[in-house]
Amino acid sequence: MAVQFQSAVKAIAGACLVVMANHGVAAIAAERGGVEDKIEYCQICHGQAGQGYHGYLTMPRLAGQQSAYLESQLRDYADGRRVNAVMSNVARGVSPSMYGAIAAHFPALNPPPLDGGAGGNAALGRTIFANGLPESNVPACSACHGPDGHGTGQIPRLAGQVPSYLVRTLSNWSQERGRASAGGLSAIMVPTTHNMTAAQIAAVAAYVGSLR
């Protein structure tokens, strides 16, 4: 059974890699017609319920995410304000007039967090989320993302996000997200992520990854 499961996981990761190889994502997206087709394309890698994927090629959770935030991120990818070769090609292969409709599909979805909850030092993460790290000039995550981590408007939902995705994103924030974004908020996170240690980032990711 374990061997079969591992084979299935590798197959899924391999399928995503094949789809995205040689920057073919833009061409595939451009070939497909309406909004529903674009959403189905998102589901190839982000999951049928937008739950994300944890594995060789980690994909973020889109389920429950703020629609305004998702739309602004598509614009950032298309305009080069957020750095990711794959997603930039995806966003540029979709008409900007469709961004809002695509983003509106995901907020109502609410699958359980992957792996059934948090691992690592979630207790430390809970403390940082609620109180911040005053000695390191790190504000409480809850001050902007809300006590439930659901975010609002341009402030993204963190609850249920794939922990390994959050660790990667927060650890590379200055390189990938430090530019002026369509929502105008990404640069705010630069000093916060810079002032957190790897262990602290992992703890916050573990905690918020377990939230519903």
C-alpha atoms as a PDB file:
ATOM      1  CA  MET A   1       0.000   0.000   0.000  1.00  0.00           C
ATOM      2  CA  ALA A   2       2.797   2.416   0.922  1.00  0.00           C
ATOM      3  CA  VAL A   3       4.538   1.732  -2.374  1.00  0.00           C
ATOM      4  CA  GLN A   4       1.321   2.353  -4.282  1.00  0.00           C
ATOM      5  CA  PHE A   5       0.769   5.629  -2.413  1.00  0.00           C
ATOM      6  CA  GLN A   6       4.304   6.815  -3.118  1.00  0.00           C
ATOM      7  CA  SER A   7       3.872   5.929  -6.778  1.00  0.00           C
ATOM      8  CA  ALA A   8       0.652   7.939  -6.917  1.00  0.00           C
ATOM      9  CA  VAL A   9       2.308  10.958  -5.305  1.00  0.00           C
ATOM     10  CA  LYS A  10       5.183  10.805  -7.769  1.00  0.00           C
ATOM     11  CA  ALA A  11       2.744  10.505 -10.623  1.00  0.00           C
ATOM     12  CA  ILE A  12       0.885  13.641  -9.543  1.00  0.00           C
ATOM     13  CA  ALA A  13       4.099  15.623  -9.142  1.00  0.00           C
ATOM     14  CA  GLY A  14       5.344  14.321 -12.476  1.00  0.00           C
ATOM     15  CA  ALA A  15       2.120  15.334 -14.191  1.00  0.00           C
ATOM     16  CA  CYS A  16       2.450  18.885 -12.911  1.00  0.00           C
ATOM     17  CA  LEU A  17       6.059  19.026 -14.027  1.00  0.00           C
ATOM     18  CA  VAL A  18       5.153  17.811 -17.495  1.00  0.00           C
ATOM     19  CA  VAL A  19       2.353  20.346 -17.787  1.00  0.00           C
ATOM     20  CA  MET A  20       4.641  23.204 -16.781  1.00  0.00           C
ATOM     21  CA  ALA A  21       7.761  22.097 -18.645  1.00  0.00           C
ATOM     22  CA  ASN A  22       9.342  24.415 -21.159  1.00  0.00           C
ATOM     23  CA  HIS A  23       6.996  27.235 -20.104  1.00  0.00           C
ATOM     24  CA  GLY A  24       4.165  25.494 -21.903  1.00  0.00           C
ATOM     25  CA  VAL A  25       1.669  26.723 -19.336  1.00  0.00           C
ATOM     26  CA  ALA A  26       0.970  29.956 -21.167  1.00  0.00           C
ATOM     27  CA  ALA A  27       0.243  28.197 -24.426  1.00  0.00           C
ATOM     28  CA  ILE A  28      -2.068  25.677 -22.763  1.00  0.00           C
ATOM     29  CA  ALA A  29      -3.952  28.384 -20.870  1.00  0.00           C
ATOM     30  CA  ALA A  30      -4.310  30.460 -24.027  1.00  0.00           C
ATOM     31  CA  GLU A  31      -5.819  27.528 -25.906  1.00  0.00           C
ATOM     32  CA  ARG A  32      -8.629  27.007 -23.422  1.00  0.00           C
ATOM     33  CA  GLY A  33     -11.736  29.130 -23.574  1.00  0.00           C
ATOM     34  CA  GLY A  34     -13.938  30.339 -20.731  1.00  0.00           C
ATOM     35  CA  VAL A  35     -13.540  30.939 -17.025  1.00  0.00           C
ATOM     36  CA  GLU A  36     -14.549  27.372 -16.117  1.00  0.00           C
ATOM     37  CA  ASP A  37     -11.768  26.032 -18.319  1.00  0.00           C
ATOM     38  CA  LYS A  38      -9.268  28.292 -16.569  1.00  0.00           C
ATOM     39  CA  ILE A  39     -10.466  27.128 -13.158  1.00  0.00           C
ATOM     40  CA  GLU A  40     -10.074  23.501 -14.213  1.00  0.00           C
ATOM     41  CA  TYR A  41      -6.538  24.363 -15.245  1.00  0.00           C
ATOM     42  CA  CYS A  42      -5.835  25.796 -11.766  1.00  0.00           C
ATOM     43  CA  GLN A  43      -7.121  22.554 -10.254  1.00  0.00           C
ATOM     44  CA  ILE A  44      -4.500  20.481 -12.063  1.00  0.00           C
ATOM     45  CA  CYS A  45      -1.866  21.588  -9.574  1.00  0.00           C
ATOM     46  CA  HIS A  46      -3.777  23.286  -6.726  1.00  0.00           C
ATOM     47  CA  GLY A  47      -6.243  20.429  -6.281  1.00  0.00           C
ATOM     48  CA  GLN A  48      -9.878  19.847  -7.129  1.00  0.00           C
ATOM     49  CA  ALA A  49     -10.987  21.642  -3.958  1.00  0.00           C
ATOM     50  CA  GLY A  50      -8.130  24.161  -4.009  1.00  0.00           C
ATOM     51  CA  GLN A  51      -6.517  22.386  -1.062  1.00  0.00           C
ATOM     52  CA  GLY A  52      -2.972  22.705  -2.400  1.00  0.00           C
ATOM     53  CA  TYR A  53      -0.381  19.980  -2.609  1.00  0.00           C
ATOM     54  CA  HIS A  54       2.449  19.013  -0.268  1.00  0.00           C
ATOM     55  CA  GLY A  55       5.290  17.094  -1.852  1.00  0.00           C
ATOM     56  CA  TYR A  56       8.113  17.377  -4.324  1.00  0.00           C
ATOM     57  CA  LEU A  57       6.431  20.339  -6.000  1.00  0.00           C
ATOM     58  CA  THR A  58       4.487  22.108  -3.236  1.00  0.00           C
ATOM     59  CA  MET A  59       1.441  24.084  -4.362  1.00  0.00           C
ATOM     60  CA  PRO A  60      -0.359  26.651  -2.183  1.00  0.00           C
ATOM     61  CA  ARG A  61      -3.902  26.324  -0.931  1.00  0.00           C
ATOM     62  CA  LEU A  62      -6.329  28.581  -2.809  1.00  0.00           C
ATOM     63  CA  ALA A  63      -9.448  27.385  -0.980  1.00  0.00           C
ATOM     64  CA  GLY A  64     -10.997  30.055   1.239  1.00  0.00           C
ATOM     65  CA  GLN A  65      -8.547  32.679   0.027  1.00  0.00           C
ATOM     66  CA  GLN A  66      -9.655  36.291  -0.279  1.00  0.00           C
ATOM     67  CA  SER A  67     -10.790  36.934  -3.853  1.00  0.00           C
ATOM     68  CA  ALA A  68      -9.328  40.451  -3.917  1.00  0.00           C
ATOM     69  CA  TYR A  69      -5.969  39.039  -2.882  1.00  0.00           C
ATOM     70  CA  LEU A  70      -6.037  36.264  -5.496  1.00  0.00           C
ATOM     71  CA  GLU A  71      -6.896  38.758  -8.224  1.00  0.00           C
ATOM     72  CA  SER A  72      -4.083  41.106  -7.217  1.00  0.00           C
ATOM     73  CA  GLN A  73      -1.590  38.227  -7.197  1.00  0.00           C
ATOM     74  CA  LEU A  74      -2.527  37.249 -10.742  1.00  0.00           C
ATOM     75  CA  ARG A  75      -1.872  40.843 -11.792  1.00  0.00           C
ATOM     76  CA  ASP A  76       1.438  40.866  -9.914  1.00  0.00           C
ATOM     77  CA  TYR A  77       2.554  37.670 -11.651  1.00  0.00           C
ATOM     78  CA  ALA A  78       1.555  39.017 -15.060  1.00  0.00           C
ATOM     79  CA  ASP A  79       3.298  42.351 -14.478  1.00  0.00           C
ATOM     80  CA  GLY A  80       6.466  40.851 -12.971  1.00  0.00           C
ATOM     81  CA  ARG A  81       5.947  42.342  -9.526  1.00  0.00           C
ATOM     82  CA  ARG A  82       5.869  38.843  -8.064  1.00  0.00           C
ATOM     83  CA  VAL A  83       8.624  36.520  -9.271  1.00  0.00           C
ATOM     84  CA  ASN A  84       7.681  33.012 -10.361  1.00  0.00           C
ATOM     85  CA  ALA A  85       8.390  31.889 -13.914  1.00  0.00           C
ATOM     86  CA  VAL A  86       5.599  29.322 -13.993  1.00  0.00           C
ATOM     87  CA  MET A  87       2.840  31.513 -12.549  1.00  0.00           C
ATOM     88  CA  SER A  88       3.929  34.519 -14.599  1.00  0.00           C
ATOM     89  CA  ASN A  89       3.343  32.501 -17.736  1.00  0.00           C
ATOM     90  CA  VAL A  90       0.017  31.227 -16.431  1.00  0.00           C
ATOM     91  CA  ALA A  91      -1.212  34.744 -15.589  1.00  0.00           C
ATOM     92  CA  ARG A  92      -0.081  36.142 -18.932  1.00  0.00           C
ATOM     93  CA  GLY A  93      -1.941  33.358 -20.714  1.00  0.00           C
ATOM     94  CA  VAL A  94      -5.250  34.482 -19.208  1.00  0.00           C
ATOM     95  CA  SER A  95      -7.149  37.616 -20.160  1.00  0.00           C
ATOM     96  CA  PRO A  96      -6.977  40.140 -17.269  1.00  0.00           C
ATOM     97  CA  SER A  97     -10.739  40.514 -17.637  1.00  0.00           C
ATOM     98  CA  MET A  98     -11.058  36.945 -16.296  1.00  0.00           C
ATOM     99  CA  TYR A  99      -8.921  37.440 -13.187  1.00  0.00           C
ATOM    100  CA  GLY A 100     -11.825  38.525 -11.003  1.00  0.00           C
ATOM    101  CA  ALA A 101     -14.089  35.639 -12.016  1.00  0.00           C
ATOM    102  CA  ILE A 102     -11.331  33.072 -11.478  1.00  0.00           C
ATOM    103  CA  ALA A 103     -10.486  34.527  -8.060  1.00  0.00           C
ATOM    104  CA  ALA A 104     -14.161  34.500  -7.053  1.00  0.00           C
ATOM    105  CA  HIS A 105     -14.337  30.705  -7.416  1.00  0.00           C
ATOM    106  CA  PHE A 106     -12.086  29.839  -4.473  1.00  0.00           C
ATOM    107  CA  PRO A 107     -13.265  31.732  -1.342  1.00  0.00           C
ATOM    108  CA  ALA A 108     -16.282  29.453  -0.794  1.00  0.00           C
ATOM    109  CA  LEU A 109     -14.204  26.264  -0.807  1.00  0.00           C
ATOM    110  CA  ASN A 110     -13.239  24.860   2.592  1.00  0.00           C
ATOM    111  CA  PRO A 111     -11.503  21.461   2.490  1.00  0.00           C
ATOM    112  CA  PRO A 112      -9.648  20.343   5.620  1.00  0.00           C
ATOM    113  CA  PRO A 113      -5.981  21.352   5.919  1.00  0.00           C
ATOM    114  CA  LEU A 114      -3.549  18.948   4.326  1.00  0.00           C
ATOM    115  CA  ASP A 115      -1.964  16.288   6.534  1.00  0.00           C
ATOM    116  CA  GLY A 116      -4.714  16.789   9.107  1.00  0.00           C
ATOM    117  CA  GLY A 117      -3.024  19.634  10.985  1.00  0.00           C
ATOM    118  CA  ALA A 118       0.236  21.176  12.079  1.00  0.00           C
ATOM    119  CA  GLY A 119       3.559  19.574  12.838  1.00  0.00           C
ATOM    120  CA  GLY A 120       6.612  21.212  14.339  1.00  0.00           C
ATOM    121  CA  ASN A 121       6.508  23.812  17.103  1.00  0.00           C
ATOM    122  CA  ALA A 122       2.918  24.957  16.681  1.00  0.00           C
ATOM    123  CA  ALA A 123       2.838  26.223  20.275  1.00  0.00           C
ATOM    124  CA  LEU A 124       5.566  28.766  19.515  1.00  0.00           C
ATOM    125  CA  GLY A 125       3.765  29.616  16.277  1.00  0.00           C
ATOM    126  CA  ARG A 126       0.555  30.301  18.180  1.00  0.00           C
ATOM    127  CA  THR A 127       2.397  32.731  20.459  1.00  0.00           C
ATOM    128  CA  ILE A 128       4.008  34.595  17.570  1.00  0.00           C
ATOM    129  CA  PHE A 129       0.713  34.690  15.676  1.00  0.00           C
ATOM    130  CA  ALA A 130      -1.135  36.187  18.651  1.00  0.00           C
ATOM    131  CA  ASN A 131       1.548  38.395  20.226  1.00  0.00           C
ATOM    132  CA  GLY A 132       4.355  38.854  17.717  1.00  0.00           C
ATOM    133  CA  LEU A 133       7.990  39.160  18.736  1.00  0.00           C
ATOM    134  CA  PRO A 134       8.305  42.647  20.248  1.00  0.00           C
ATOM    135  CA  GLU A 135      12.024  42.224  20.911  1.00  0.00           C
ATOM    136  CA  SER A 136      12.596  41.582  17.197  1.00  0.00           C
ATOM    137  CA  ASN A 137      10.116  44.174  15.912  1.00  0.00           C
ATOM    138  CA  VAL A 138       7.818  41.483  14.523  1.00  0.00           C
ATOM    139  CA  PRO A 139       4.137  42.395  14.899  1.00  0.00           C
ATOM    140  CA  ALA A 140       1.451  39.863  15.723  1.00  0.00           C
ATOM    141  CA  CYS A 141       0.212  38.099  12.578  1.00  0.00           C
ATOM    142  CA  SER A 142      -3.322  38.336  13.940  1.00  0.00           C
ATOM    143  CA  ALA A 143      -3.179  42.137  13.899  1.00  0.00           C
ATOM    144  CA  CYS A 144      -3.566  42.113  10.094  1.00  0.00           C
ATOM    145  CA  HIS A 145      -4.634  38.578   9.188  1.00  0.00           C
ATOM    146  CA  GLY A 146      -7.265  38.397  11.910  1.00  0.00           C
ATOM    147  CA  PRO A 147      -7.524  36.203  15.018  1.00  0.00           C
ATOM    148  CA  ASP A 148      -8.786  33.315  12.883  1.00  0.00           C
ATOM    149  CA  GLY A 149      -6.179  33.851  10.147  1.00  0.00           C
ATOM    150  CA  HIS A 150      -8.841  34.347   7.488  1.00  0.00           C
ATOM    151  CA  GLY A 151      -7.539  37.715   6.278  1.00  0.00           C
ATOM    152  CA  THR A 152      -9.647  40.405   4.620  1.00  0.00           C
ATOM    153  CA  GLY A 153      -9.587  42.077   1.225  1.00  0.00           C
ATOM    154  CA  GLN A 154      -5.982  42.410   0.073  1.00  0.00           C
ATOM    155  CA  ILE A 155      -4.709  40.761   3.262  1.00  0.00           C
ATOM    156  CA  PRO A 156      -4.478  37.031   2.548  1.00  0.00           C
ATOM    157  CA  ARG A 157      -5.941  34.128   4.445  1.00  0.00           C
ATOM    158  CA  LEU A 158      -3.277  32.094   6.261  1.00  0.00           C
ATOM    159  CA  ALA A 159      -5.580  29.536   7.877  1.00  0.00           C
ATOM    160  CA  GLY A 160      -5.048  26.072   6.430  1.00  0.00           C
ATOM    161  CA  GLN A 161      -2.223  27.122   4.139  1.00  0.00           C
ATOM    162  CA  VAL A 162       0.266  24.375   3.277  1.00  0.00           C
ATOM    163  CA  PRO A 163       3.063  24.824   5.869  1.00  0.00           C
ATOM    164  CA  SER A 164       5.940  23.977   3.532  1.00  0.00           C
ATOM    165  CA  TYR A 165       4.647  26.554   1.046  1.00  0.00           C
ATOM    166  CA  LEU A 166       4.498  29.232   3.747  1.00  0.00           C
ATOM    167  CA  VAL A 167       8.028  28.440   4.910  1.00  0.00           C
ATOM    168  CA  ARG A 168       9.366  28.763   1.380  1.00  0.00           C
ATOM    169  CA  THR A 169       7.424  31.952   0.670  1.00  0.00           C
ATOM    170  CA  LEU A 170       8.304  33.737   3.910  1.00  0.00           C
ATOM    171  CA  SER A 171      11.952  32.681   3.677  1.00  0.00           C
ATOM    172  CA  ASN A 172      12.250  34.148   0.169  1.00  0.00           C
ATOM    173  CA  TRP A 173       9.953  37.132   0.559  1.00  0.00           C
ATOM    174  CA  SER A 174      12.468  39.852  -0.315  1.00  0.00           C
ATOM    175  CA  GLN A 175      13.466  38.090  -3.538  1.00  0.00           C
ATOM    176  CA  GLU A 176       9.977  37.105  -4.686  1.00  0.00           C
ATOM    177  CA  ARG A 177       7.617  39.640  -3.121  1.00  0.00           C
ATOM    178  CA  GLY A 178       9.598  42.728  -2.135  1.00  0.00           C
ATOM    179  CA  ARG A 179       8.356  44.835  -5.050  1.00  0.00           C
ATOM    180  CA  ALA A 180       5.392  47.201  -5.079  1.00  0.00           C
ATOM    181  CA  SER A 181       2.387  44.937  -5.635  1.00  0.00           C
ATOM    182  CA  ALA A 182      -0.983  45.583  -7.231  1.00  0.00           C
ATOM    183  CA  GLY A 183      -2.492  45.484  -3.762  1.00  0.00           C
ATOM    184  CA  GLY A 184       0.295  47.671  -2.391  1.00  0.00           C
ATOM    185  CA  LEU A 185       0.894  45.533   0.710  1.00  0.00           C
ATOM    186  CA  SER A 186       3.652  43.043  -0.135  1.00  0.00           C
ATOM    187  CA  ALA A 187       6.490  45.412   0.786  1.00  0.00           C
ATOM    188  CA  ILE A 188       5.108  45.692   4.323  1.00  0.00           C
ATOM    189  CA  MET A 189       6.167  42.123   5.000  1.00  0.00           C
ATOM    190  CA  VAL A 190       9.825  42.636   4.055  1.00  0.00           C
ATOM    191  CA  PRO A 191      11.090  43.769   7.505  1.00  0.00           C
ATOM    192  CA  THR A 192       8.869  41.245   9.289  1.00  0.00           C
ATOM    193  CA  THR A 193      10.232  38.262   7.384  1.00  0.00           C
ATOM    194  CA  HIS A 194      13.778  39.619   7.634  1.00  0.00           C
ATOM    195  CA  ASN A 195      13.527  39.783  11.434  1.00  0.00           C
ATOM    196  CA  MET A 196      12.300  36.202  11.895  1.00  0.00           C
ATOM    197  CA  THR A 197      14.549  33.179  12.265  1.00  0.00           C
ATOM    198  CA  ALA A 198      14.023  30.008  10.249  1.00  0.00           C
ATOM    199  CA  ALA A 199      12.684  28.249  13.344  1.00  0.00           C
ATOM    200  CA  GLN A 200      10.197  31.038  14.015  1.00  0.00           C
ATOM    201  CA  ILE A 201       8.954  31.011  10.425  1.00  0.00           C
ATOM    202  CA  ALA A 202       8.502  27.248  10.563  1.00  0.00           C
ATOM    203  CA  ALA A 203       6.593  27.542  13.843  1.00  0.00           C
ATOM    204  CA  VAL A 204       4.143  30.104  12.474  1.00  0.00           C
ATOM    205  CA  ALA A 205       3.648  28.025   9.321  1.00  0.00           C
ATOM    206  CA  ALA A 206       2.912  24.928  11.412  1.00  0.00           C
ATOM    207  CA  TYR A 207       0.366  26.766  13.538  1.00  0.00           C
ATOM    208  CA  VAL A 208      -1.588  28.562  10.815  1.00  0.00           C
ATOM    209  CA  GLY A 209      -1.518  25.432   8.658  1.00  0.00           C
ATOM    210  CA  SER A 210      -3.743  23.739  11.236  1.00  0.00           C
ATOM    211  CA  LEU A 211      -6.382  26.468  11.381  1.00  0.00           C
ATOM    212  CA  ARG A 212      -9.787  26.098   9.693  1.00  0.00           C
END
